[in-house]
Amino acid sequence: MKKFDVEITETLQRTVSVEAVSQEEAEKIVTEAWNNEDYVLDSTDFVSVDFKTVGEQELSENRKMEILLVQPGMYPQKVTIGTELKDFQDAVGGTIAASYPFDDPVAIVYNDEGKLTGLPLNRAMRDEQGQMYDAVAGTFLVVGLGEEDFASLSPELAQKYEKQFHQPETFLKLGNRLLVIPVPDDAVKSAENKVVSKPPAEHDR
């Protein structure tokens, strides 16, 4: 869907008679009279109308996409989000960046300042040999790639990357090395089902 700017030009015309010694003087008299609003053209003076497109722009539709949301300490979740920049920024909690580390048509969308602002490390990024070469800080998204922009993940890719990032990980720094430890399932479940306890009511004390 596009938005078009269409210019409408109406032509009004009226003939008036004035006495003058020359054509130039007659036009000057009529011009001054028109400037003084002695002649005000209206719909009865209509002659023609012209329509001309002077601009166009793409309309952003309220589209949605199906993606994976990967949060620290949590299992990946299939979620539906909007396609606007703000939707991605809200999902990761800040300005976004994207990387394309896989052969599949997918991208990792993450908080561009996650490591600088001290967000917790989330998942390790590994090469084909399974060796970690980087880690993503903070919440990130796994999205599909369309012809020109991000797109929904296919069911097959959603399943594949849910499996790849399924187990939450914790990171321990040992000197210059970073040790990656899978989070036990019982710890993950307790994080997902964590309930904030309320103080007892006055009459219960």
C-alpha atoms as a PDB file:
ATOM      1  CA  MET A   1       0.000   0.000   0.000  1.00  0.00           C
ATOM      2  CA  LYS A   2       1.261   3.476  -0.903  1.00  0.00           C
ATOM      3  CA  LYS A   3       0.312   7.047  -0.099  1.00  0.00           C
ATOM      4  CA  PHE A   4       0.050   9.485  -3.029  1.00  0.00           C
ATOM      5  CA  ASP A   5       0.038  13.300  -2.944  1.00  0.00           C
ATOM      6  CA  VAL A   6      -2.251  14.537  -5.702  1.00  0.00           C
ATOM      7  CA  GLU A   7      -2.282  18.215  -6.621  1.00  0.00           C
ATOM      8  CA  ILE A   8      -5.644  19.691  -7.629  1.00  0.00           C
ATOM      9  CA  THR A   9      -5.546  22.796  -9.832  1.00  0.00           C
ATOM     10  CA  GLU A  10      -8.792  24.582 -10.606  1.00  0.00           C
ATOM     11  CA  THR A  11      -8.976  27.266 -13.284  1.00  0.00           C
ATOM     12  CA  LEU A  12     -11.426  30.150 -12.780  1.00  0.00           C
ATOM     13  CA  GLN A  13     -12.034  32.745 -15.431  1.00  0.00           C
ATOM     14  CA  ARG A  14     -14.124  35.945 -15.713  1.00  0.00           C
ATOM     15  CA  THR A  15     -14.217  38.690 -18.307  1.00  0.00           C
ATOM     16  CA  VAL A  16     -14.726  42.279 -17.090  1.00  0.00           C
ATOM     17  CA  SER A  17     -15.039  45.504 -19.091  1.00  0.00           C
ATOM     18  CA  VAL A  18     -13.187  48.708 -18.214  1.00  0.00           C
ATOM     19  CA  GLU A  19     -12.563  51.977 -20.020  1.00  0.00           C
ATOM     20  CA  ALA A  20      -8.921  52.834 -20.701  1.00  0.00           C
ATOM     21  CA  VAL A  21      -6.715  54.527 -23.309  1.00  0.00           C
ATOM     22  CA  SER A  22      -4.624  51.399 -23.921  1.00  0.00           C
ATOM     23  CA  GLN A  23      -4.472  47.651 -23.354  1.00  0.00           C
ATOM     24  CA  GLU A  24      -1.708  48.117 -20.782  1.00  0.00           C
ATOM     25  CA  GLU A  25      -3.775  50.617 -18.788  1.00  0.00           C
ATOM     26  CA  ALA A  26      -6.851  48.361 -18.938  1.00  0.00           C
ATOM     27  CA  GLU A  27      -4.898  45.402 -17.549  1.00  0.00           C
ATOM     28  CA  LYS A  28      -3.382  47.641 -14.861  1.00  0.00           C
ATOM     29  CA  ILE A  29      -6.821  48.849 -13.784  1.00  0.00           C
ATOM     30  CA  VAL A  30      -8.176  45.315 -13.594  1.00  0.00           C
ATOM     31  CA  THR A  31      -5.078  44.068 -11.749  1.00  0.00           C
ATOM     32  CA  GLU A  32      -5.414  46.795  -9.100  1.00  0.00           C
ATOM     33  CA  ALA A  33      -9.125  46.137  -8.765  1.00  0.00           C
ATOM     34  CA  TRP A  34      -8.466  42.389  -8.301  1.00  0.00           C
ATOM     35  CA  ASN A  35      -5.800  43.127  -5.679  1.00  0.00           C
ATOM     36  CA  ASN A  36      -8.365  45.306  -3.870  1.00  0.00           C
ATOM     37  CA  GLU A  37     -10.804  42.377  -4.035  1.00  0.00           C
ATOM     38  CA  ASP A  38     -13.206  44.263  -6.278  1.00  0.00           C
ATOM     39  CA  TYR A  39     -13.283  41.052  -8.317  1.00  0.00           C
ATOM     40  CA  VAL A  40     -13.613  37.814  -6.417  1.00  0.00           C
ATOM     41  CA  LEU A  41     -13.941  34.730  -8.614  1.00  0.00           C
ATOM     42  CA  ASP A  42     -16.127  31.879  -7.387  1.00  0.00           C
ATOM     43  CA  SER A  43     -17.618  28.593  -8.595  1.00  0.00           C
ATOM     44  CA  THR A  44     -19.653  30.375 -11.272  1.00  0.00           C
ATOM     45  CA  ASP A  45     -16.337  31.297 -12.934  1.00  0.00           C
ATOM     46  CA  PHE A  46     -15.103  27.679 -13.041  1.00  0.00           C
ATOM     47  CA  VAL A  47     -13.499  26.657 -16.350  1.00  0.00           C
ATOM     48  CA  SER A  48     -11.487  23.466 -15.770  1.00  0.00           C
ATOM     49  CA  VAL A  49      -9.682  21.285 -13.247  1.00  0.00           C
ATOM     50  CA  ASP A  50      -6.412  19.335 -13.447  1.00  0.00           C
ATOM     51  CA  PHE A  51      -5.091  16.534 -11.211  1.00  0.00           C
ATOM     52  CA  LYS A  52      -1.377  15.808 -10.950  1.00  0.00           C
ATOM     53  CA  THR A  53       0.515  13.350  -8.695  1.00  0.00           C
ATOM     54  CA  VAL A  54       3.408  15.209  -7.083  1.00  0.00           C
ATOM     55  CA  GLY A  55       4.655  12.612  -4.593  1.00  0.00           C
ATOM     56  CA  GLU A  56       4.304   9.096  -3.278  1.00  0.00           C
ATOM     57  CA  GLN A  57       5.511   7.107  -0.315  1.00  0.00           C
ATOM     58  CA  GLU A  58       5.198   3.630   1.096  1.00  0.00           C
ATOM     59  CA  LEU A  59       2.717   3.200   3.895  1.00  0.00           C
ATOM     60  CA  SER A  60       3.898   1.100   6.784  1.00  0.00           C
ATOM     61  CA  GLU A  61       1.181  -1.418   7.473  1.00  0.00           C
ATOM     62  CA  ASN A  62       0.679  -2.878  10.908  1.00  0.00           C
ATOM     63  CA  ARG A  63       2.315  -6.149   9.908  1.00  0.00           C
ATOM     64  CA  LYS A  64       3.399  -8.817  12.328  1.00  0.00           C
ATOM     65  CA  MET A  65       6.064 -11.506  12.209  1.00  0.00           C
ATOM     66  CA  GLU A  66       6.662 -14.778  14.014  1.00  0.00           C
ATOM     67  CA  ILE A  67      10.136 -14.973  15.563  1.00  0.00           C
ATOM     68  CA  LEU A  68      12.119 -16.438  18.464  1.00  0.00           C
ATOM     69  CA  LEU A  69      12.716 -14.394  21.609  1.00  0.00           C
ATOM     70  CA  VAL A  70      15.776 -15.568  23.555  1.00  0.00           C
ATOM     71  CA  GLN A  71      16.170 -14.155  27.066  1.00  0.00           C
ATOM     72  CA  PRO A  72      18.973 -14.800  29.571  1.00  0.00           C
ATOM     73  CA  GLY A  73      18.195 -17.750  31.819  1.00  0.00           C
ATOM     74  CA  MET A  74      15.045 -18.657  29.855  1.00  0.00           C
ATOM     75  CA  TYR A  75      14.084 -21.089  27.138  1.00  0.00           C
ATOM     76  CA  PRO A  76      13.481 -19.523  23.688  1.00  0.00           C
ATOM     77  CA  GLN A  77       9.914 -18.410  23.081  1.00  0.00           C
ATOM     78  CA  LYS A  78       7.991 -18.151  19.831  1.00  0.00           C
ATOM     79  CA  VAL A  79       6.479 -14.673  19.817  1.00  0.00           C
ATOM     80  CA  THR A  80       4.674 -12.342  17.436  1.00  0.00           C
ATOM     81  CA  ILE A  81       5.955  -8.757  17.157  1.00  0.00           C
ATOM     82  CA  GLY A  82       5.453  -5.792  14.871  1.00  0.00           C
ATOM     83  CA  THR A  83       7.812  -4.930  12.045  1.00  0.00           C
ATOM     84  CA  GLU A  84       8.620  -1.342  13.012  1.00  0.00           C
ATOM     85  CA  LEU A  85      12.054  -0.364  14.356  1.00  0.00           C
ATOM     86  CA  LYS A  86      10.520   0.501  17.728  1.00  0.00           C
ATOM     87  CA  ASP A  87       9.110  -3.030  18.040  1.00  0.00           C
ATOM     88  CA  PHE A  88      12.612  -4.490  17.780  1.00  0.00           C
ATOM     89  CA  GLN A  89      14.086  -1.876  20.114  1.00  0.00           C
ATOM     90  CA  ASP A  90      11.432  -2.567  22.737  1.00  0.00           C
ATOM     91  CA  ALA A  91      12.060  -6.298  22.465  1.00  0.00           C
ATOM     92  CA  VAL A  92      15.816  -6.048  23.148  1.00  0.00           C
ATOM     93  CA  GLY A  93      15.663  -2.997  25.405  1.00  0.00           C
ATOM     94  CA  GLY A  94      17.669  -0.493  23.370  1.00  0.00           C
ATOM     95  CA  THR A  95      19.223   0.326  20.021  1.00  0.00           C
ATOM     96  CA  ILE A  96      19.565  -2.676  17.783  1.00  0.00           C
ATOM     97  CA  ALA A  97      22.224  -4.306  15.671  1.00  0.00           C
ATOM     98  CA  ALA A  98      22.004  -7.440  13.542  1.00  0.00           C
ATOM     99  CA  SER A  99      24.421 -10.198  12.641  1.00  0.00           C
ATOM    100  CA  TYR A 100      24.145 -12.975  10.090  1.00  0.00           C
ATOM    101  CA  PRO A 101      26.325 -15.805  11.411  1.00  0.00           C
ATOM    102  CA  PHE A 102      24.457 -18.715   9.797  1.00  0.00           C
ATOM    103  CA  ASP A 103      24.040 -20.082   6.295  1.00  0.00           C
ATOM    104  CA  ASP A 104      20.256 -20.100   6.760  1.00  0.00           C
ATOM    105  CA  PRO A 105      18.249 -16.975   5.895  1.00  0.00           C
ATOM    106  CA  VAL A 106      18.099 -15.820   9.515  1.00  0.00           C
ATOM    107  CA  ALA A 107      19.533 -12.939  11.536  1.00  0.00           C
ATOM    108  CA  ILE A 108      20.332 -12.351  15.187  1.00  0.00           C
ATOM    109  CA  VAL A 109      18.937  -8.996  16.353  1.00  0.00           C
ATOM    110  CA  TYR A 110      20.403  -7.815  19.666  1.00  0.00           C
ATOM    111  CA  ASN A 111      21.005  -4.777  21.855  1.00  0.00           C
ATOM    112  CA  ASP A 112      23.877  -2.902  20.223  1.00  0.00           C
ATOM    113  CA  GLU A 113      25.121  -1.598  23.574  1.00  0.00           C
ATOM    114  CA  GLY A 114      24.445  -4.736  25.608  1.00  0.00           C
ATOM    115  CA  LYS A 115      28.060  -5.475  26.474  1.00  0.00           C
ATOM    116  CA  LEU A 116      28.912  -1.816  27.085  1.00  0.00           C
ATOM    117  CA  THR A 117      26.016  -1.377  29.509  1.00  0.00           C
ATOM    118  CA  GLY A 118      26.714  -4.625  31.333  1.00  0.00           C
ATOM    119  CA  LEU A 119      23.721  -6.697  30.265  1.00  0.00           C
ATOM    120  CA  PRO A 120      24.109 -10.350  31.316  1.00  0.00           C
ATOM    121  CA  LEU A 121      25.645 -12.690  28.778  1.00  0.00           C
ATOM    122  CA  ASN A 122      22.903 -14.784  27.258  1.00  0.00           C
ATOM    123  CA  ARG A 123      24.064 -17.419  24.779  1.00  0.00           C
ATOM    124  CA  ALA A 124      27.389 -18.434  23.269  1.00  0.00           C
ATOM    125  CA  MET A 125      27.903 -18.142  19.525  1.00  0.00           C
ATOM    126  CA  ARG A 126      29.765 -21.151  18.164  1.00  0.00           C
ATOM    127  CA  ASP A 127      31.491 -21.998  14.888  1.00  0.00           C
ATOM    128  CA  GLU A 128      30.989 -25.167  12.852  1.00  0.00           C
ATOM    129  CA  GLN A 129      33.352 -27.044  15.165  1.00  0.00           C
ATOM    130  CA  GLY A 130      31.329 -26.044  18.206  1.00  0.00           C
ATOM    131  CA  GLN A 131      33.946 -23.624  19.496  1.00  0.00           C
ATOM    132  CA  MET A 132      32.682 -20.411  21.077  1.00  0.00           C
ATOM    133  CA  TYR A 133      33.858 -17.265  19.305  1.00  0.00           C
ATOM    134  CA  ASP A 134      31.500 -14.736  20.883  1.00  0.00           C
ATOM    135  CA  ALA A 135      28.592 -14.349  23.281  1.00  0.00           C
ATOM    136  CA  VAL A 136      25.419 -12.292  22.976  1.00  0.00           C
ATOM    137  CA  ALA A 137      24.632  -9.977  25.869  1.00  0.00           C
ATOM    138  CA  GLY A 138      21.028  -9.389  26.836  1.00  0.00           C
ATOM    139  CA  THR A 139      17.849 -10.489  25.133  1.00  0.00           C
ATOM    140  CA  PHE A 140      18.085 -11.198  21.422  1.00  0.00           C
ATOM    141  CA  LEU A 141      15.783 -12.214  18.587  1.00  0.00           C
ATOM    142  CA  VAL A 142      16.157 -14.828  15.892  1.00  0.00           C
ATOM    143  CA  VAL A 143      14.328 -13.538  12.820  1.00  0.00           C
ATOM    144  CA  GLY A 144      13.908 -14.666   9.251  1.00  0.00           C
ATOM    145  CA  LEU A 145      15.183 -12.758   6.229  1.00  0.00           C
ATOM    146  CA  GLY A 146      12.863 -11.607   3.451  1.00  0.00           C
ATOM    147  CA  GLU A 147      13.815 -10.077   0.120  1.00  0.00           C
ATOM    148  CA  GLU A 148      14.407  -6.629   1.617  1.00  0.00           C
ATOM    149  CA  ASP A 149      13.883  -6.849   5.366  1.00  0.00           C
ATOM    150  CA  PHE A 150      13.370  -9.089   8.363  1.00  0.00           C
ATOM    151  CA  ALA A 151      10.583 -11.639   8.108  1.00  0.00           C
ATOM    152  CA  SER A 152       8.877 -14.435  10.011  1.00  0.00           C
ATOM    153  CA  LEU A 153      10.790 -17.607  10.698  1.00  0.00           C
ATOM    154  CA  SER A 154       9.566 -20.661   8.851  1.00  0.00           C
ATOM    155  CA  PRO A 155       8.345 -23.441  11.173  1.00  0.00           C
ATOM    156  CA  GLU A 156      11.415 -25.482  10.250  1.00  0.00           C
ATOM    157  CA  LEU A 157      13.863 -22.691  11.071  1.00  0.00           C
ATOM    158  CA  ALA A 158      11.997 -21.808  14.256  1.00  0.00           C
ATOM    159  CA  GLN A 159      12.333 -25.404  15.391  1.00  0.00           C
ATOM    160  CA  LYS A 160      16.005 -25.592  14.396  1.00  0.00           C
ATOM    161  CA  TYR A 161      17.063 -22.446  16.259  1.00  0.00           C
ATOM    162  CA  GLU A 162      14.847 -23.162  19.243  1.00  0.00           C
ATOM    163  CA  LYS A 163      16.825 -26.375  19.568  1.00  0.00           C
ATOM    164  CA  GLN A 164      20.158 -24.609  19.022  1.00  0.00           C
ATOM    165  CA  PHE A 165      19.496 -21.970  21.695  1.00  0.00           C
ATOM    166  CA  HIS A 166      17.241 -24.126  23.855  1.00  0.00           C
ATOM    167  CA  GLN A 167      19.421 -24.499  26.922  1.00  0.00           C
ATOM    168  CA  PRO A 168      20.128 -21.285  28.818  1.00  0.00           C
ATOM    169  CA  GLU A 169      23.779 -20.735  29.660  1.00  0.00           C
ATOM    170  CA  THR A 170      25.732 -18.997  32.369  1.00  0.00           C
ATOM    171  CA  PHE A 171      29.252 -17.645  31.941  1.00  0.00           C
ATOM    172  CA  LEU A 172      32.213 -17.774  34.289  1.00  0.00           C
ATOM    173  CA  LYS A 173      35.381 -15.812  33.619  1.00  0.00           C
ATOM    174  CA  LEU A 174      38.594 -17.719  34.320  1.00  0.00           C
ATOM    175  CA  GLY A 175      41.537 -15.454  33.617  1.00  0.00           C
ATOM    176  CA  ASN A 176      41.346 -14.629  29.925  1.00  0.00           C
ATOM    177  CA  ARG A 177      38.928 -17.466  29.249  1.00  0.00           C
ATOM    178  CA  LEU A 178      35.162 -17.574  29.431  1.00  0.00           C
ATOM    179  CA  LEU A 179      33.669 -20.793  30.718  1.00  0.00           C
ATOM    180  CA  VAL A 180      30.164 -21.624  29.456  1.00  0.00           C
ATOM    181  CA  ILE A 181      27.954 -23.651  31.801  1.00  0.00           C
ATOM    182  CA  PRO A 182      24.458 -24.905  30.847  1.00  0.00           C
ATOM    183  CA  VAL A 183      21.794 -23.790  33.313  1.00  0.00           C
ATOM    184  CA  PRO A 184      20.083 -26.793  34.970  1.00  0.00           C
ATOM    185  CA  ASP A 185      16.474 -27.353  33.933  1.00  0.00           C
ATOM    186  CA  ASP A 186      15.139 -26.965  37.451  1.00  0.00           C
ATOM    187  CA  ALA A 187      16.784 -23.539  37.683  1.00  0.00           C
ATOM    188  CA  VAL A 188      15.268 -22.488  34.376  1.00  0.00           C
ATOM    189  CA  LYS A 189      11.796 -23.560  35.418  1.00  0.00           C
ATOM    190  CA  SER A 190      12.078 -21.743  38.721  1.00  0.00           C
ATOM    191  CA  ALA A 191      13.105 -18.594  36.845  1.00  0.00           C
ATOM    192  CA  GLU A 192      10.108 -18.886  34.499  1.00  0.00           C
ATOM    193  CA  ASN A 193       7.637 -19.569  37.296  1.00  0.00           C
ATOM    194  CA  LYS A 194       9.101 -17.213  39.837  1.00  0.00           C
ATOM    195  CA  VAL A 195       6.403 -15.585  41.949  1.00  0.00           C
ATOM    196  CA  VAL A 196       7.072 -12.428  43.885  1.00  0.00           C
ATOM    197  CA  SER A 197       5.869 -13.070  47.418  1.00  0.00           C
ATOM    198  CA  LYS A 198       3.699 -10.419  48.994  1.00  0.00           C
ATOM    199  CA  PRO A 199       4.037  -9.315  52.619  1.00  0.00           C
ATOM    200  CA  PRO A 200       1.305 -10.777  54.836  1.00  0.00           C
ATOM    201  CA  ALA A 201      -1.741  -8.651  55.401  1.00  0.00           C
ATOM    202  CA  GLU A 202      -2.043  -6.865  58.708  1.00  0.00           C
ATOM    203  CA  HIS A 203      -4.717  -9.243  60.015  1.00  0.00           C
ATOM    204  CA  ASP A 204      -2.535 -12.293  59.160  1.00  0.00           C
ATOM    205  CA  ARG A 205       0.361 -11.177  61.331  1.00  0.00           C
END
